[in-house]
C-alpha atoms as a PDB file:
ATOM      1  CA  MET A   1       0.152  -0.039  -0.085  1.00  0.00           C
ATOM      2  CA  LYS A   2       1.433   3.360  -0.899  1.00  0.00           C
ATOM      3  CA  THR A   3       1.258   6.390   1.341  1.00  0.00           C
ATOM      4  CA  PHE A   4      -0.996   9.282  -0.034  1.00  0.00           C
ATOM      5  CA  SER A   5       0.497  12.512  -0.385  1.00  0.00           C
ATOM      6  CA  ALA A   6      -1.419  15.431  -1.581  1.00  0.00           C
ATOM      7  CA  SER A   7      -0.957  17.991  -4.317  1.00  0.00           C
ATOM      8  CA  VAL A   8      -2.185  21.352  -5.114  1.00  0.00           C
ATOM      9  CA  LYS A   9      -4.890  19.931  -7.555  1.00  0.00           C
ATOM     10  CA  ASN A  10      -6.200  17.739  -4.825  1.00  0.00           C
ATOM     11  CA  ILE A  11      -6.873  20.558  -2.271  1.00  0.00           C
ATOM     12  CA  ASP A  12     -10.445  22.145  -2.000  1.00  0.00           C
ATOM     13  CA  ARG A  13     -10.798  24.986   0.272  1.00  0.00           C
ATOM     14  CA  LYS A  14     -13.608  25.856   2.226  1.00  0.00           C
ATOM     15  CA  TRP A  15     -14.691  29.105   3.887  1.00  0.00           C
ATOM     16  CA  TYR A  16     -15.411  29.293   7.784  1.00  0.00           C
ATOM     17  CA  LEU A  17     -17.272  31.625   9.701  1.00  0.00           C
ATOM     18  CA  ILE A  18     -16.655  31.825  13.702  1.00  0.00           C
ATOM     19  CA  ASP A  19     -18.737  33.923  16.077  1.00  0.00           C
ATOM     20  CA  ALA A  20     -16.094  34.723  18.860  1.00  0.00           C
ATOM     21  CA  THR A  21     -18.785  36.289  21.226  1.00  0.00           C
ATOM     22  CA  ASP A  22     -18.074  34.753  24.752  1.00  0.00           C
ATOM     23  CA  LEU A  23     -15.775  32.371  23.159  1.00  0.00           C
ATOM     24  CA  ILE A  24     -12.435  31.804  25.527  1.00  0.00           C
ATOM     25  CA  LEU A  25      -9.470  33.351  23.324  1.00  0.00           C
ATOM     26  CA  TRP A  26      -7.038  30.268  24.397  1.00  0.00           C
ATOM     27  CA  TRP A  27      -9.033  27.253  23.130  1.00  0.00           C
ATOM     28  CA  MET A  28     -10.551  29.414  19.894  1.00  0.00           C
ATOM     29  CA  PHE A  29      -7.146  30.352  18.475  1.00  0.00           C
ATOM     30  CA  VAL A  30      -6.007  26.582  18.676  1.00  0.00           C
ATOM     31  CA  VAL A  31      -9.013  25.415  16.760  1.00  0.00           C
ATOM     32  CA  ILE A  32      -8.674  28.500  14.202  1.00  0.00           C
ATOM     33  CA  ALA A  33      -4.828  27.522  13.550  1.00  0.00           C
ATOM     34  CA  ASP A  34      -6.033  23.912  12.690  1.00  0.00           C
ATOM     35  CA  TYR A  35      -8.296  24.977  10.261  1.00  0.00           C
ATOM     36  CA  LEU A  36      -5.910  27.399   8.789  1.00  0.00           C
ATOM     37  CA  ARG A  37      -3.309  25.071   8.258  1.00  0.00           C
ATOM     38  CA  GLY A  38      -5.581  22.002   7.277  1.00  0.00           C
ATOM     39  CA  LYS A  39      -4.911  19.551   9.833  1.00  0.00           C
ATOM     40  CA  HIS A  40      -8.521  18.537  10.031  1.00  0.00           C
ATOM     41  CA  LYS A  41      -8.548  17.222   6.724  1.00  0.00           C
ATOM     42  CA  PRO A  42      -7.668  13.349   6.021  1.00  0.00           C
ATOM     43  CA  ILE A  43      -5.218  14.687   2.953  1.00  0.00           C
ATOM     44  CA  PHE A  44      -3.068  16.880   5.478  1.00  0.00           C
ATOM     45  CA  THR A  45       0.507  17.187   4.108  1.00  0.00           C
ATOM     46  CA  PRO A  46       2.943  19.191   6.012  1.00  0.00           C
ATOM     47  CA  ASN A  47       4.567  20.892   3.328  1.00  0.00           C
ATOM     48  CA  LEU A  48       1.414  22.097   1.474  1.00  0.00           C
ATOM     49  CA  ASP A  49      -1.169  24.730   2.239  1.00  0.00           C
ATOM     50  CA  CYS A  50      -4.115  22.533   2.473  1.00  0.00           C
ATOM     51  CA  GLY A  51      -6.046  24.621   4.917  1.00  0.00           C
ATOM     52  CA  ASP A  52      -9.245  26.753   4.518  1.00  0.00           C
ATOM     53  CA  TYR A  53     -10.075  30.170   4.774  1.00  0.00           C
ATOM     54  CA  VAL A  54     -11.333  31.346   8.171  1.00  0.00           C
ATOM     55  CA  VAL A  55     -13.399  34.602   8.946  1.00  0.00           C
ATOM     56  CA  VAL A  56     -13.895  35.366  12.379  1.00  0.00           C
ATOM     57  CA  ILE A  57     -16.409  38.143  13.453  1.00  0.00           C
ATOM     58  CA  ASN A  58     -16.996  39.915  16.953  1.00  0.00           C
ATOM     59  CA  ALA A  59     -13.404  39.480  18.004  1.00  0.00           C
ATOM     60  CA  ASP A  60     -14.057  42.403  20.359  1.00  0.00           C
ATOM     61  CA  LYS A  61     -16.223  40.222  22.521  1.00  0.00           C
ATOM     62  CA  ILE A  62     -13.788  37.185  23.250  1.00  0.00           C
ATOM     63  CA  HIS A  63     -13.227  36.215  27.084  1.00  0.00           C
ATOM     64  CA  LEU A  64      -9.758  36.046  28.714  1.00  0.00           C
ATOM     65  CA  THR A  65      -9.762  33.573  31.585  1.00  0.00           C
ATOM     66  CA  GLY A  66      -8.224  34.563  34.960  1.00  0.00           C
ATOM     67  CA  ASN A  67      -6.464  38.142  35.225  1.00  0.00           C
ATOM     68  CA  LYS A  68      -5.238  38.033  31.800  1.00  0.00           C
ATOM     69  CA  TYR A  69      -7.427  40.965  30.604  1.00  0.00           C
ATOM     70  CA  GLU A  70      -5.834  42.929  33.064  1.00  0.00           C
ATOM     71  CA  TYR A  71      -2.349  41.679  33.744  1.00  0.00           C
ATOM     72  CA  LYS A  72      -1.270  40.114  30.086  1.00  0.00           C
ATOM     73  CA  LYS A  73       1.383  41.901  28.564  1.00  0.00           C
ATOM     74  CA  TYR A  74       2.135  42.372  24.796  1.00  0.00           C
ATOM     75  CA  ILE A  75       5.516  43.629  24.251  1.00  0.00           C
ATOM     76  CA  HIS A  76       7.336  44.974  21.069  1.00  0.00           C
ATOM     77  CA  HIS A  77      10.225  46.915  20.150  1.00  0.00           C
ATOM     78  CA  THR A  78      10.315  49.884  17.441  1.00  0.00           C
ATOM     79  CA  ASP A  79      14.033  49.299  16.492  1.00  0.00           C
ATOM     80  CA  PHE A  80      15.055  52.607  17.881  1.00  0.00           C
ATOM     81  CA  ALA A  81      17.337  53.006  21.245  1.00  0.00           C
ATOM     82  CA  GLY A  82      15.079  52.405  24.225  1.00  0.00           C
ATOM     83  CA  GLY A  83      12.221  51.494  22.036  1.00  0.00           C
ATOM     84  CA  LEU A  84      10.708  48.419  24.253  1.00  0.00           C
ATOM     85  CA  LYS A  85       6.943  49.243  24.486  1.00  0.00           C
ATOM     86  CA  GLU A  86       4.458  47.252  26.267  1.00  0.00           C
ATOM     87  CA  THR A  87       0.611  47.399  26.779  1.00  0.00           C
ATOM     88  CA  THR A  88      -1.747  45.021  28.265  1.00  0.00           C
ATOM     89  CA  ALA A  89      -4.667  42.863  27.023  1.00  0.00           C
ATOM     90  CA  LYS A  90      -7.360  45.560  28.566  1.00  0.00           C
ATOM     91  CA  ASN A  91      -5.728  48.533  26.663  1.00  0.00           C
ATOM     92  CA  ILE A  92      -5.893  46.576  23.066  1.00  0.00           C
ATOM     93  CA  MET A  93      -9.161  45.311  23.579  1.00  0.00           C
ATOM     94  CA  THR A  94     -10.622  48.663  24.528  1.00  0.00           C
ATOM     95  CA  GLY A  95      -8.194  50.441  21.777  1.00  0.00           C
ATOM     96  CA  LYS A  96      -8.933  50.994  18.070  1.00  0.00           C
ATOM     97  CA  PHE A  97      -8.264  47.348  16.872  1.00  0.00           C
ATOM     98  CA  PRO A  98      -9.603  44.771  19.120  1.00  0.00           C
ATOM     99  CA  GLU A  99      -9.131  42.151  16.589  1.00  0.00           C
ATOM    100  CA  ARG A 100      -5.337  42.096  17.021  1.00  0.00           C
ATOM    101  CA  ILE A 101      -5.511  40.008  19.829  1.00  0.00           C
ATOM    102  CA  VAL A 102      -6.889  37.107  17.807  1.00  0.00           C
ATOM    103  CA  GLU A 103      -4.615  37.832  14.877  1.00  0.00           C
ATOM    104  CA  GLN A 104      -1.374  37.754  16.903  1.00  0.00           C
ATOM    105  CA  ALA A 105      -2.488  34.289  19.130  1.00  0.00           C
ATOM    106  CA  VAL A 106      -3.318  32.639  16.003  1.00  0.00           C
ATOM    107  CA  GLU A 107       0.186  33.968  14.156  1.00  0.00           C
ATOM    108  CA  LYS A 108       2.049  32.831  16.786  1.00  0.00           C
ATOM    109  CA  MET A 109       0.862  29.214  16.467  1.00  0.00           C
ATOM    110  CA  ILE A 110       1.525  29.071  12.825  1.00  0.00           C
ATOM    111  CA  THR A 111       5.256  28.368  11.407  1.00  0.00           C
ATOM    112  CA  ARG A 112       7.346  31.366  10.828  1.00  0.00           C
ATOM    113  CA  ASN A 113       8.700  30.446   7.331  1.00  0.00           C
ATOM    114  CA  ALA A 114       7.099  30.998   3.387  1.00  0.00           C
ATOM    115  CA  LEU A 115       4.525  28.586   4.372  1.00  0.00           C
ATOM    116  CA  GLY A 116       3.230  30.215   7.440  1.00  0.00           C
ATOM    117  CA  ARG A 117       2.937  33.547   5.724  1.00  0.00           C
ATOM    118  CA  ALA A 118       0.798  31.862   2.737  1.00  0.00           C
ATOM    119  CA  VAL A 119      -1.493  30.354   5.747  1.00  0.00           C
ATOM    120  CA  ILE A 120      -2.039  33.424   7.830  1.00  0.00           C
ATOM    121  CA  LYS A 121      -3.224  35.047   4.591  1.00  0.00           C
ATOM    122  CA  LYS A 122      -6.384  32.921   4.729  1.00  0.00           C
ATOM    123  CA  LEU A 123      -7.439  34.571   7.835  1.00  0.00           C
ATOM    124  CA  PHE A 124      -9.832  37.424   8.375  1.00  0.00           C
ATOM    125  CA  VAL A 125     -10.414  39.194  11.830  1.00  0.00           C
ATOM    126  CA  TYR A 126     -13.291  41.805  12.213  1.00  0.00           C
ATOM    127  CA  GLY A 127     -14.153  43.251  15.609  1.00  0.00           C
ATOM    128  CA  GLY A 128     -17.955  43.698  14.717  1.00  0.00           C
ATOM    129  CA  SER A 129     -20.224  41.507  13.103  1.00  0.00           C
ATOM    130  CA  GLU A 130     -20.201  42.811   9.595  1.00  0.00           C
ATOM    131  CA  ASN A 131     -17.893  41.206   7.303  1.00  0.00           C
ATOM    132  CA  PRO A 132     -17.397  41.415   3.236  1.00  0.00           C
ATOM    133  CA  HIS A 133     -17.223  37.873   2.844  1.00  0.00           C
ATOM    134  CA  ALA A 134     -20.850  36.937   2.412  1.00  0.00           C
ATOM    135  CA  ALA A 135     -20.499  35.966  -1.409  1.00  0.00           C
ATOM    136  CA  GLN A 136     -18.081  33.080  -0.465  1.00  0.00           C
ATOM    137  CA  LYS A 137     -20.937  31.545   1.680  1.00  0.00           C
ATOM    138  CA  PRO A 138     -18.772  30.668   4.641  1.00  0.00           C
ATOM    139  CA  GLU A 139     -20.266  27.814   6.840  1.00  0.00           C
ATOM    140  CA  LEU A 140     -20.436  28.651  10.471  1.00  0.00           C
ATOM    141  CA  LEU A 141     -17.963  26.534  12.521  1.00  0.00           C
ATOM    142  CA  ASP A 142     -19.413  26.349  16.447  1.00  0.00           C
ATOM    143  CA  ILE A 143     -16.455  26.012  18.477  1.00  0.00           C
ATOM    144  CA  ALA A 144     -18.389  26.528  21.539  1.00  0.00           C
ATOM    145  CA  ALA A 145     -20.232  23.321  20.626  1.00  0.00           C
ATOM    146  CA  MET A 146     -16.951  21.262  20.391  1.00  0.00           C
ATOM    147  CA  SER A 147     -16.202  21.452  23.825  1.00  0.00           C
ATOM    148  CA  ALA A 148     -17.557  23.041  27.260  1.00  0.00           C
ATOM    149  CA  LYS A 149     -14.276  24.666  28.054  1.00  0.00           C
ATOM    150  CA  ASN A 150     -14.453  26.584  24.506  1.00  0.00           C
ATOM    151  CA  LYS A 151     -17.331  29.076  26.022  1.00  0.00           C
ATOM    152  CA  LYS A 152     -17.525  31.466  28.983  1.00  0.00           C
ATOM    153  CA  ARG A 153     -19.441  29.870  31.881  1.00  0.00           C
ATOM    154  CA  LYS A 154     -22.196  32.180  33.134  1.00  0.00           C
END
């Protein structure tokens, strides 16, 4: 029996829509990264981009567990002397671009090479419920129904 290895012509891509309202970030981005890479498919091939497109809406309504909302720090450097900057998750979520938390979390799960750059281009994150991808007819991916851990407990 020969081992099957997918090629570019074997790959068909789907569009998935995820509503991030009250989803826990740390469980959500693992599922998103798997769908972007194509690890949920039986034809997964590690050296090919065989993943699907993922659209995340309501990214400004995600939930962070514990004290991460107040104390989790995001650090970056401006490449100038003394340019180390840090901010908290609370500042990002109440700021102009709350979807950056989801984008950065998923980006850190993807490999940092040419394949990873191609994979991350298939992620679309929006802070509100509006998105311009209705023509692609994305199917709803209910992450909250996958496990009880994925959704914030009331």
